[in-house]
Amino acid sequence: MKKIIGIFVLLAFAAFSFAQGDYEAFRFSQTEISGTARFMGAGGAFSTTGGDFSALSLNPAAIGLYKRHEVTLTPMSLAFSNNTSKYYGNGDFAKNPKYTVPECGLVITSNREGSNWKSWQFGFGYNRLMDYNNALRASAPNVPNSMVNTILRHAQGTPYTALAGDAGLAWSTWLIDTVAGHNDLYYSPFERANTDQNALVEQSGAIDEISLTFGGNFQDILYIGASLGIPIIDYKEKITYSEVVPDALESGLYLTSFQTISTQHDAGGGINLKLGVIYQPVTFLRLGIGFQTPTYFWKIKDTYDREMLAQYFDGTNSKTWSYTNRNNFTLTTPLKFNVGATFLLKKRAFISAEYNFCHYGMANLYSNDYNYINENQAVKDKYGICHTLRVGAEVNLSSHFALRAGYNFKSSPYKLTSGPYNGSAHYASLGLGFKSKYFFADLAYVLKLSKDSFWLYESNNPAVSAVEYENTTHRIVATIGCKF
């Protein structure tokens, strides 16, 4: 029989089970194409094209190409995301529409007549670096594995008075029990049962960056810029997972199903510095390089709640237990750099291309309350160099209208991966712009296609138990602004 002390001991040990891991370091190090409709329509390939507020997040020297003051606002980014998954050969899907305001900015230009430095610029505003709004669903009948097997594997050899995390929850809900005559050996009626498994992952939030940018124009040949970035994290996740034994009563099992609900909220701020140079040796060519220091996030506040519910017999009896962890941690993300080139065609069009580099294995977690040695080693072992290639073009159809198109490819960020579900992504975009002497408006459409994998729980055979999913996101972006 259960010992009531096990329930209270769970509270004492829950504080030592942290929600953060190597994936948190990876998650908060990522950025994605986002910004003004002009920027998005031309594939985000603006690091050397300049004249767009969102380009400052890639290369702050792009501010040196401004000739006039500008105010810009992107009041609409409407995304329709669809994820199709495959789990043990069974297909499922989830849809998630989302509306956001991803950008606003102000650029002030000071022209200097008679000086080699023709102008100085100052910019202030914010840009969305990463949007986490997403939903994933996975399900499969008659799965020859169970989360309980993982729980048992970690629980064996630990006295029930010292169980924590999922093992503590499973003990408190009677999902696992001790073998007669032992206080550290466990069994479960789910141990050898085939179960129907269902999971729903719901994510929301973003990383938004407030930026202060300063730049200059030297004789229309050399453009320089520096930007102080203050990124702000607000991330929420809820995972609902369940297992059901369809023939539990016929098999004589006293447990028929169990469910876990996990919620996580991370919030915090950071700081980084961006430096950039653009060189224009001839009127039709610009070359540039941009560099971003590692971002230092201090005291990210993490709240993690875990609840387990087990049902018995005819479903009228059930038992629930939960715990909450609160922790602060710091995160240093990898440095980033990009190189690019823009070809200008007599002020009627441009074609641009750029390459972005990031080594996710350089991310690092730290806390005064917990040793992240294992998690940081996992970051180095799992994540590697990610290459991003962007190309874009704009053609002025008349003095007022412009047409844009772009393409992005993002390589797999993982060190060890095979097959198509490796985290790589493709982006294709189209855009249309209108401009007058003082006013402009832009519209863009972006299609994202990506494939990746995740696991609902630790497994002895990860290649078989992976949830493989394909993401298709349609995004419409609108921007308005004025020049004066």
Protein backbone atom coordinates (compact mmCIF):
# COMPACT_ATOMS: atom_id res chain seq x y z
CA MET A 1 0.00 0.00 0.00
CA LYS A 2 1.03 3.57 -0.51
CA LYS A 3 2.66 5.47 2.30
CA ILE A 4 1.15 8.90 2.85
CA ILE A 5 4.63 10.23 3.46
CA GLY A 6 5.36 9.81 -0.26
CA ILE A 7 2.94 12.59 -1.10
CA PHE A 8 4.60 15.08 1.20
CA VAL A 9 8.13 14.12 0.24
CA LEU A 10 7.22 14.91 -3.37
CA LEU A 11 6.81 18.56 -2.42
CA ALA A 12 10.24 18.66 -0.88
CA PHE A 13 11.99 17.26 -3.94
CA ALA A 14 9.94 18.97 -6.66
CA ALA A 15 12.05 22.13 -6.37
CA PHE A 16 15.05 20.21 -7.70
CA SER A 17 13.33 19.25 -10.96
CA PHE A 18 13.89 22.10 -13.44
CA ALA A 19 11.96 22.78 -16.63
CA GLN A 20 14.92 24.35 -18.44
CA GLY A 21 17.14 22.19 -20.57
CA ASP A 22 19.22 22.26 -23.70
CA TYR A 23 16.13 22.97 -25.82
CA GLU A 24 15.44 26.23 -23.93
CA ALA A 25 18.93 27.46 -24.83
CA PHE A 26 18.28 26.54 -28.46
CA ARG A 27 14.73 27.93 -28.55
CA PHE A 28 15.65 31.40 -27.28
CA SER A 29 18.69 31.63 -29.57
CA GLN A 30 16.65 31.38 -32.76
CA THR A 31 15.37 34.23 -34.91
CA GLU A 32 13.18 34.20 -38.00
CA ILE A 33 12.40 36.46 -40.97
CA SER A 34 10.06 39.17 -39.69
CA GLY A 35 9.52 42.91 -40.06
CA THR A 36 8.09 45.42 -42.49
CA ALA A 37 6.13 44.27 -45.54
CA ARG A 38 8.86 45.60 -47.86
CA PHE A 39 11.49 43.65 -45.94
CA MET A 40 9.37 40.49 -45.93
CA GLY A 41 8.31 40.79 -49.58
CA ALA A 42 11.93 40.89 -50.74
CA GLY A 43 12.89 37.87 -48.66
CA GLY A 44 14.52 39.86 -45.85
CA ALA A 45 17.62 40.31 -48.04
CA PHE A 46 18.08 43.93 -46.94
CA SER A 47 21.36 43.95 -45.00
CA THR A 48 23.09 45.85 -47.86
CA THR A 49 20.01 47.29 -49.56
CA GLY A 50 19.15 49.51 -46.59
CA GLY A 51 16.51 52.17 -46.36
CA ASP A 52 14.21 49.87 -44.34
CA PHE A 53 13.85 49.81 -40.57
CA SER A 54 13.81 46.00 -40.29
CA ALA A 55 17.16 45.82 -42.11
CA LEU A 56 18.79 47.39 -39.04
CA SER A 57 18.34 44.11 -37.13
CA LEU A 58 20.68 42.45 -39.68
CA ASN A 59 23.18 45.22 -40.41
CA PRO A 60 22.84 48.56 -38.57
CA ALA A 61 24.89 50.28 -41.32
CA ALA A 62 21.72 50.07 -43.42
CA ILE A 63 20.53 53.16 -41.54
CA GLY A 64 23.23 55.20 -43.28
CA LEU A 65 21.33 54.91 -46.57
CA TYR A 66 18.41 56.98 -45.25
CA LYS A 67 18.17 60.42 -46.90
CA ARG A 68 15.03 61.63 -45.08
CA HIS A 69 13.22 61.18 -41.79
CA GLU A 70 10.85 58.23 -41.66
CA VAL A 71 8.12 56.82 -39.45
CA THR A 72 6.95 53.27 -40.14
CA LEU A 73 4.36 50.96 -38.62
CA THR A 74 3.42 47.39 -39.47
CA PRO A 75 -0.09 47.14 -37.97
CA MET A 76 -0.87 43.72 -39.38
CA SER A 77 0.87 40.37 -39.62
CA LEU A 78 -1.78 37.70 -40.07
CA ALA A 79 -0.49 34.11 -40.05
CA PHE A 80 -2.32 30.87 -40.78
CA SER A 81 -0.25 27.92 -39.59
CA ASN A 82 -0.98 24.27 -40.34
CA ASN A 83 1.00 21.35 -38.88
CA THR A 84 0.55 17.80 -40.09
CA SER A 85 2.19 15.09 -37.99
CA LYS A 86 3.01 11.41 -38.23
CA TYR A 87 3.36 9.30 -35.07
CA TYR A 88 3.80 5.52 -35.28
CA GLY A 89 2.40 5.77 -38.81
CA ASN A 90 -0.73 7.64 -37.75
CA GLY A 91 -1.46 11.10 -39.17
CA ASP A 92 -2.89 14.12 -37.34
CA PHE A 93 -3.03 17.88 -37.83
CA ALA A 94 -3.49 21.19 -36.00
CA LYS A 95 -4.28 24.72 -37.23
CA ASN A 96 -3.42 28.01 -35.56
CA PRO A 97 -4.33 31.49 -36.90
CA LYS A 98 -2.56 34.45 -35.27
CA TYR A 99 -2.58 38.26 -35.59
CA THR A 100 0.40 40.36 -34.45
CA VAL A 101 1.93 43.84 -34.79
CA PRO A 102 5.57 42.99 -35.54
CA GLU A 103 7.28 46.35 -36.12
CA CYS A 104 7.33 50.09 -35.66
CA GLY A 105 10.20 52.52 -36.05
CA LEU A 106 11.43 56.09 -36.31
CA VAL A 107 14.54 57.28 -38.20
CA ILE A 108 15.87 60.83 -37.91
CA THR A 109 18.40 62.04 -40.50
CA SER A 110 20.78 64.96 -40.09
CA ASN A 111 22.22 66.09 -43.44
CA ARG A 112 25.58 67.90 -43.30
CA GLU A 113 26.43 70.11 -46.27
CA GLY A 114 30.10 70.66 -47.06
CA SER A 115 31.26 67.68 -45.00
CA ASN A 116 32.70 64.35 -46.10
CA TRP A 117 30.22 62.79 -43.71
CA LYS A 118 27.12 63.65 -45.71
CA SER A 119 24.63 62.63 -43.03
CA TRP A 120 24.13 61.07 -39.63
CA GLN A 121 21.10 58.97 -38.67
CA PHE A 122 19.42 57.90 -35.47
CA GLY A 123 16.78 55.17 -35.25
CA PHE A 124 14.50 53.93 -32.51
CA GLY A 125 11.78 51.28 -32.51
CA TYR A 126 11.10 47.60 -32.13
CA ASN A 127 11.11 44.55 -34.35
CA ARG A 128 9.79 41.03 -33.80
CA LEU A 129 12.69 38.56 -33.94
CA MET A 130 10.80 35.32 -33.26
CA ASP A 131 7.12 34.38 -33.16
CA TYR A 132 6.32 31.23 -31.16
CA ASN A 133 2.57 31.03 -31.83
CA ASN A 134 1.99 27.47 -32.95
CA ALA A 135 0.00 24.30 -32.26
CA LEU A 136 1.03 20.66 -32.76
CA ARG A 137 -1.07 17.54 -32.34
CA ALA A 138 0.04 13.89 -32.36
CA SER A 139 -1.92 10.69 -31.81
CA ALA A 140 -1.61 6.98 -32.46
CA PRO A 141 -3.58 3.87 -31.41
CA ASN A 142 -2.12 0.71 -29.93
CA VAL A 143 1.39 2.09 -29.34
CA PRO A 144 3.79 -0.63 -28.08
CA ASN A 145 5.43 1.74 -25.63
CA SER A 146 4.45 3.99 -22.74
CA MET A 147 5.73 7.05 -20.91
CA VAL A 148 5.45 4.86 -17.81
CA ASN A 149 8.38 2.74 -19.00
CA THR A 150 10.58 5.83 -18.91
CA ILE A 151 9.27 6.77 -15.48
CA LEU A 152 10.00 3.28 -14.17
CA ARG A 153 13.50 3.28 -15.62
CA HIS A 154 14.38 6.47 -13.76
CA ALA A 155 12.60 5.43 -10.55
CA GLN A 156 14.23 2.02 -10.09
CA GLY A 157 16.71 2.02 -7.22
CA THR A 158 15.34 5.21 -5.63
CA PRO A 159 13.40 4.84 -2.36
CA TYR A 160 9.82 6.06 -2.67
CA THR A 161 10.58 8.71 -0.04
CA ALA A 162 13.04 10.33 -2.47
CA LEU A 163 11.08 10.21 -5.71
CA ALA A 164 10.70 13.53 -7.56
CA GLY A 165 9.50 14.83 -10.90
CA ASP A 166 7.35 12.47 -12.96
CA ALA A 167 8.34 9.53 -10.77
CA GLY A 168 7.00 11.36 -7.73
CA LEU A 169 3.77 12.20 -9.53
CA ALA A 170 3.35 8.61 -10.72
CA TRP A 171 3.89 7.32 -7.18
CA SER A 172 1.40 9.79 -5.72
CA THR A 173 -1.28 8.90 -8.29
CA TRP A 174 -0.64 5.15 -7.94
CA LEU A 175 0.52 4.92 -11.54
CA ILE A 176 3.57 3.09 -10.20
CA ASP A 177 3.84 1.06 -7.01
CA THR A 178 6.55 -0.76 -5.11
CA VAL A 179 7.20 -4.45 -5.58
CA ALA A 180 6.21 -6.34 -2.41
CA GLY A 181 9.06 -6.37 0.10
CA HIS A 182 11.00 -3.51 -1.56
CA ASN A 183 10.95 0.24 -1.14
CA ASP A 184 13.00 1.06 -4.28
CA LEU A 185 11.74 -1.38 -6.94
CA TYR A 186 8.62 -0.48 -8.90
CA TYR A 187 6.06 -1.86 -11.34
CA SER A 188 3.05 -0.44 -13.20
CA PRO A 189 0.00 -1.98 -14.88
CA PHE A 190 0.94 0.15 -17.92
CA GLU A 191 4.39 -1.38 -18.08
CA ARG A 192 3.62 -3.96 -20.78
CA ALA A 193 0.33 -2.56 -22.13
CA ASN A 194 -0.25 -1.15 -25.60
CA THR A 195 -1.90 2.25 -25.26
CA ASP A 196 -3.75 4.84 -27.33
CA GLN A 197 -1.68 8.02 -27.06
CA ASN A 198 -2.68 11.63 -27.70
CA ALA A 199 -0.77 14.88 -27.31
CA LEU A 200 -1.50 18.56 -27.94
CA VAL A 201 1.32 21.14 -27.83
CA GLU A 202 0.20 24.78 -27.69
CA GLN A 203 2.79 27.56 -27.88
CA SER A 204 2.46 31.34 -27.78
CA GLY A 205 4.60 34.42 -27.28
CA ALA A 206 7.54 36.04 -29.02
CA ILE A 207 10.94 37.67 -28.77
CA ASP A 208 10.57 41.39 -29.50
CA GLU A 209 13.62 43.63 -29.68
CA ILE A 210 13.77 47.33 -28.86
CA SER A 211 16.68 48.95 -30.69
CA LEU A 212 18.64 52.19 -30.63
CA THR A 213 20.67 52.64 -33.81
CA PHE A 214 23.23 55.25 -34.87
CA GLY A 215 24.87 55.47 -38.28
CA GLY A 216 26.53 57.66 -40.85
CA ASN A 217 27.17 58.18 -44.57
CA PHE A 218 30.70 58.96 -45.77
CA GLN A 219 30.67 60.42 -49.29
CA ASP A 220 28.00 57.92 -50.45
CA ILE A 221 30.75 55.29 -50.46
CA LEU A 222 31.02 54.04 -46.90
CA TYR A 223 28.11 53.53 -44.50
CA ILE A 224 28.58 52.58 -40.86
CA GLY A 225 26.19 51.75 -38.03
CA ALA A 226 25.90 50.47 -34.49
CA SER A 227 22.79 49.28 -32.71
CA LEU A 228 22.03 48.53 -29.08
CA GLY A 229 19.39 45.79 -28.91
CA ILE A 230 17.17 44.99 -25.94
CA PRO A 231 15.33 41.72 -26.72
CA ILE A 232 12.37 40.76 -24.53
CA ILE A 233 11.22 37.14 -24.12
CA ASP A 234 7.62 36.21 -23.37
CA TYR A 235 7.05 32.51 -24.05
CA LYS A 236 4.21 30.19 -23.00
CA GLU A 237 3.72 26.50 -23.64
CA LYS A 238 1.08 23.97 -22.65
CA ILE A 239 1.44 20.24 -23.36
CA THR A 240 -1.50 17.92 -22.73
CA TYR A 241 -0.61 14.23 -23.03
CA SER A 242 -2.70 11.13 -22.34
CA GLU A 243 -2.53 7.36 -22.56
CA VAL A 244 -5.52 5.00 -22.54
CA VAL A 245 -5.56 1.20 -22.39
CA PRO A 246 -8.59 0.31 -24.55
CA ASP A 247 -9.04 -3.19 -23.09
CA ALA A 248 -8.01 -2.33 -19.52
CA LEU A 249 -11.05 -3.95 -17.87
CA GLU A 250 -10.85 -7.07 -20.02
CA SER A 251 -7.16 -7.37 -19.14
CA GLY A 252 -7.87 -7.02 -15.44
CA LEU A 253 -6.02 -3.71 -15.04
CA TYR A 254 -7.13 -1.48 -12.19
CA LEU A 255 -5.77 1.59 -14.08
CA THR A 256 -7.49 2.55 -17.32
CA SER A 257 -5.80 5.82 -18.31
CA PHE A 258 -3.60 8.69 -17.20
CA GLN A 259 -2.97 12.27 -18.34
CA THR A 260 -0.20 14.80 -17.81
CA ILE A 261 -0.58 18.55 -18.26
CA SER A 262 2.55 20.71 -18.36
CA THR A 263 2.57 24.50 -18.56
CA GLN A 264 5.63 26.68 -18.84
CA HIS A 265 6.09 30.45 -18.88
CA ASP A 266 9.42 32.17 -19.51
CA ALA A 267 9.87 35.94 -19.36
CA GLY A 268 12.97 38.10 -19.32
CA GLY A 269 15.09 40.71 -21.05
CA GLY A 270 18.53 40.84 -22.57
CA ILE A 271 21.07 43.06 -24.31
CA ASN A 272 23.29 42.85 -27.38
CA LEU A 273 25.34 45.04 -29.69
CA LYS A 274 25.25 45.04 -33.49
CA LEU A 275 27.92 46.57 -35.71
CA GLY A 276 27.89 46.93 -39.47
CA VAL A 277 29.64 48.35 -42.52
CA ILE A 278 28.40 48.80 -46.10
CA TYR A 279 30.83 49.70 -48.87
CA GLN A 280 29.72 51.01 -52.27
CA PRO A 281 32.77 50.94 -54.60
CA VAL A 282 30.68 51.72 -57.70
CA THR A 283 27.21 53.12 -58.16
CA PHE A 284 25.63 49.74 -58.97
CA LEU A 285 27.15 47.60 -56.20
CA ARG A 286 27.01 47.53 -52.41
CA LEU A 287 28.88 45.09 -50.20
CA GLY A 288 28.33 44.70 -46.48
CA ILE A 289 29.04 42.78 -43.33
CA GLY A 290 27.12 42.79 -40.07
CA PHE A 291 28.07 41.37 -36.68
CA GLN A 292 26.00 40.74 -33.56
CA THR A 293 27.54 40.01 -30.18
CA PRO A 294 26.11 37.18 -28.09
CA THR A 295 22.85 38.23 -26.45
CA TYR A 296 22.94 38.12 -22.67
CA PHE A 297 19.53 37.39 -21.10
CA TRP A 298 19.60 38.02 -17.38
CA LYS A 299 17.24 36.47 -14.87
CA ILE A 300 14.77 34.82 -17.18
CA LYS A 301 11.88 33.96 -14.89
CA ASP A 302 10.65 30.44 -15.47
CA THR A 303 7.46 28.96 -14.01
CA TYR A 304 6.81 25.29 -14.69
CA ASP A 305 3.68 23.40 -13.60
CA ARG A 306 3.24 19.65 -13.97
CA GLU A 307 0.01 17.79 -13.21
CA MET A 308 -0.77 14.08 -13.47
CA LEU A 309 -4.21 12.49 -13.39
CA ALA A 310 -4.79 8.72 -13.24
CA GLN A 311 -8.17 7.03 -13.60
CA TYR A 312 -9.16 3.64 -12.25
CA PHE A 313 -11.73 0.93 -12.84
CA ASP A 314 -14.90 2.33 -14.43
CA GLY A 315 -13.63 5.92 -14.62
CA THR A 316 -15.55 7.18 -11.59
CA ASN A 317 -12.44 7.07 -9.40
CA SER A 318 -9.41 9.17 -10.11
CA LYS A 319 -6.38 10.66 -8.39
CA THR A 320 -4.54 13.88 -9.27
CA TRP A 321 -1.25 15.33 -8.07
CA SER A 322 0.87 18.26 -9.24
CA TYR A 323 3.87 20.44 -8.45
CA THR A 324 5.19 23.87 -9.44
CA ASN A 325 8.79 24.97 -10.01
CA ARG A 326 9.91 28.59 -10.09
CA ASN A 327 13.43 29.43 -11.10
CA ASN A 328 15.58 32.24 -12.51
CA PHE A 329 18.33 31.55 -15.01
CA THR A 330 20.58 33.47 -17.37
CA LEU A 331 21.24 32.61 -21.00
CA THR A 332 24.00 33.66 -23.38
CA THR A 333 23.05 33.06 -27.02
CA PRO A 334 25.54 32.58 -29.87
CA LEU A 335 27.14 35.42 -31.82
CA LYS A 336 25.87 35.96 -35.36
CA PHE A 337 27.23 37.54 -38.51
CA ASN A 338 26.12 38.10 -42.09
CA VAL A 339 27.64 39.17 -45.39
CA GLY A 340 25.69 40.48 -48.34
CA ALA A 341 25.70 42.21 -51.70
CA THR A 342 23.17 44.32 -53.59
CA PHE A 343 23.18 45.07 -57.31
CA LEU A 344 21.39 48.32 -58.22
CA LEU A 345 19.91 48.63 -61.71
CA LYS A 346 19.73 52.38 -62.52
CA LYS A 347 17.43 53.13 -59.58
CA ARG A 348 14.74 51.06 -61.26
CA ALA A 349 15.42 47.76 -59.48
CA PHE A 350 17.74 45.87 -57.19
CA ILE A 351 18.80 42.26 -56.68
CA SER A 352 20.28 41.32 -53.31
CA ALA A 353 21.71 38.25 -51.64
CA GLU A 354 23.13 37.56 -48.20
CA TYR A 355 24.43 34.77 -46.01
CA ASN A 356 23.82 34.47 -42.25
CA PHE A 357 25.84 32.32 -39.84
CA CYS A 358 24.97 31.08 -36.33
CA HIS A 359 26.47 28.26 -34.22
CA TYR A 360 23.72 27.20 -31.78
CA GLY A 361 26.13 24.94 -29.91
CA MET A 362 27.67 28.09 -28.38
CA ALA A 363 24.57 28.88 -26.29
CA ASN A 364 25.10 28.66 -22.53
CA LEU A 365 22.76 28.41 -19.50
CA TYR A 366 23.67 29.53 -16.00
CA SER A 367 22.05 29.86 -12.58
CA ASN A 368 23.25 30.41 -9.03
CA ASP A 369 20.73 27.82 -7.84
CA TYR A 370 21.45 24.99 -10.26
CA ASN A 371 24.40 23.48 -12.08
CA TYR A 372 23.79 23.38 -15.86
CA ILE A 373 26.84 21.30 -16.75
CA ASN A 374 24.82 18.44 -18.26
CA GLU A 375 22.43 20.76 -20.12
CA ASN A 376 25.27 22.87 -21.55
CA GLN A 377 27.09 19.76 -22.68
CA ALA A 378 23.87 18.59 -24.38
CA VAL A 379 23.72 21.95 -26.22
CA LYS A 380 27.22 21.34 -27.58
CA ASP A 381 26.40 17.74 -28.51
CA LYS A 382 23.03 18.36 -30.20
CA TYR A 383 23.20 21.73 -31.94
CA GLY A 384 25.59 22.99 -34.60
CA ILE A 385 26.11 25.55 -37.32
CA CYS A 386 23.03 26.89 -39.08
CA HIS A 387 23.40 28.53 -42.50
CA THR A 388 20.76 30.90 -43.87
CA LEU A 389 20.73 32.15 -47.45
CA ARG A 390 18.46 35.01 -48.48
CA VAL A 391 17.86 36.42 -51.96
CA GLY A 392 15.45 39.18 -52.92
CA ALA A 393 14.55 41.60 -55.69
CA GLU A 394 12.48 44.73 -56.25
CA VAL A 395 11.36 46.28 -59.53
CA ASN A 396 9.81 49.73 -59.82
CA LEU A 397 6.87 49.32 -62.20
CA SER A 398 6.37 53.09 -62.21
CA SER A 399 7.27 56.07 -60.07
CA HIS A 400 4.64 54.97 -57.55
CA PHE A 401 4.45 51.16 -57.64
CA ALA A 402 7.01 48.42 -56.98
CA LEU A 403 6.91 44.63 -57.19
CA ARG A 404 9.04 42.39 -54.93
CA ALA A 405 9.96 38.73 -54.54
CA GLY A 406 12.28 36.74 -52.30
CA TYR A 407 13.45 33.32 -51.16
CA ASN A 408 15.13 32.01 -47.98
CA PHE A 409 16.71 28.71 -47.11
CA LYS A 410 17.61 27.81 -43.53
CA SER A 411 19.73 24.70 -43.01
CA SER A 412 19.30 22.17 -40.22
CA PRO A 413 20.49 23.50 -36.84
CA TYR A 414 21.15 20.00 -35.48
CA LYS A 415 24.51 18.22 -35.42
CA LEU A 416 23.22 14.68 -35.82
CA THR A 417 20.29 14.36 -38.18
CA SER A 418 19.19 12.42 -41.22
CA GLY A 419 16.21 12.40 -43.53
CA PRO A 420 13.92 15.31 -44.40
CA TYR A 421 12.63 16.01 -40.87
CA ASN A 422 15.75 17.89 -39.80
CA GLY A 423 14.55 21.37 -38.88
CA SER A 424 15.42 23.00 -42.20
CA ALA A 425 13.02 25.57 -43.66
CA HIS A 426 12.15 27.28 -46.94
CA TYR A 427 10.51 30.70 -47.31
CA ALA A 428 9.08 32.21 -50.49
CA SER A 429 7.61 35.71 -50.65
CA LEU A 430 5.90 38.24 -52.90
CA GLY A 431 5.29 41.91 -52.24
CA LEU A 432 3.70 45.04 -53.65
CA GLY A 433 4.51 48.61 -52.70
CA PHE A 434 3.06 52.07 -53.25
CA LYS A 435 4.94 55.30 -52.58
CA SER A 436 4.41 59.02 -53.02
CA LYS A 437 6.56 61.94 -51.91
CA TYR A 438 5.51 61.68 -48.28
CA PHE A 439 3.57 58.43 -47.87
CA PHE A 440 4.15 54.74 -48.60
CA ALA A 441 2.24 51.49 -48.09
CA ASP A 442 3.44 47.93 -48.60
CA LEU A 443 1.85 44.50 -48.68
CA ALA A 444 3.60 41.11 -48.59
CA TYR A 445 2.77 37.42 -48.65
CA VAL A 446 5.19 34.86 -47.17
CA LEU A 447 4.96 31.07 -47.45
CA LYS A 448 6.99 28.98 -44.99
CA LEU A 449 7.61 25.24 -45.41
CA SER A 450 9.54 23.30 -42.78
CA LYS A 451 9.96 19.77 -41.42
CA ASP A 452 11.09 18.77 -37.95
CA SER A 453 10.75 16.11 -35.24
CA PHE A 454 10.04 16.05 -31.52
CA TRP A 455 9.51 13.42 -28.84
CA LEU A 456 6.64 13.15 -26.38
CA TYR A 457 8.86 11.37 -23.87
CA GLU A 458 12.23 9.68 -23.60
CA SER A 459 12.37 6.41 -25.53
CA ASN A 460 14.77 3.50 -26.01
CA ASN A 461 14.09 3.70 -29.75
CA PRO A 462 13.95 7.44 -30.65
CA ALA A 463 14.01 6.79 -34.40
CA VAL A 464 10.70 4.92 -34.17
CA SER A 465 8.99 7.02 -31.48
CA ALA A 466 9.64 10.44 -33.03
CA VAL A 467 6.72 12.67 -33.96
CA GLU A 468 7.56 13.90 -37.45
CA TYR A 469 5.71 17.00 -38.56
CA GLU A 470 5.49 19.36 -41.50
CA ASN A 471 4.67 23.04 -41.01
CA THR A 472 3.02 25.21 -43.64
CA THR A 473 2.48 28.86 -42.71
CA HIS A 474 0.81 31.50 -44.85
CA ARG A 475 1.52 35.05 -43.66
CA ILE A 476 0.12 38.39 -44.87
CA VAL A 477 1.93 41.55 -43.77
CA ALA A 478 0.93 45.20 -44.23
CA THR A 479 3.05 48.31 -43.50
CA ILE A 480 2.35 52.03 -43.69
CA GLY A 481 4.72 54.93 -43.22
CA CYS A 482 5.67 58.47 -44.09
CA LYS A 483 8.86 60.30 -45.08
CA PHE A 484 9.49 63.95 -44.30
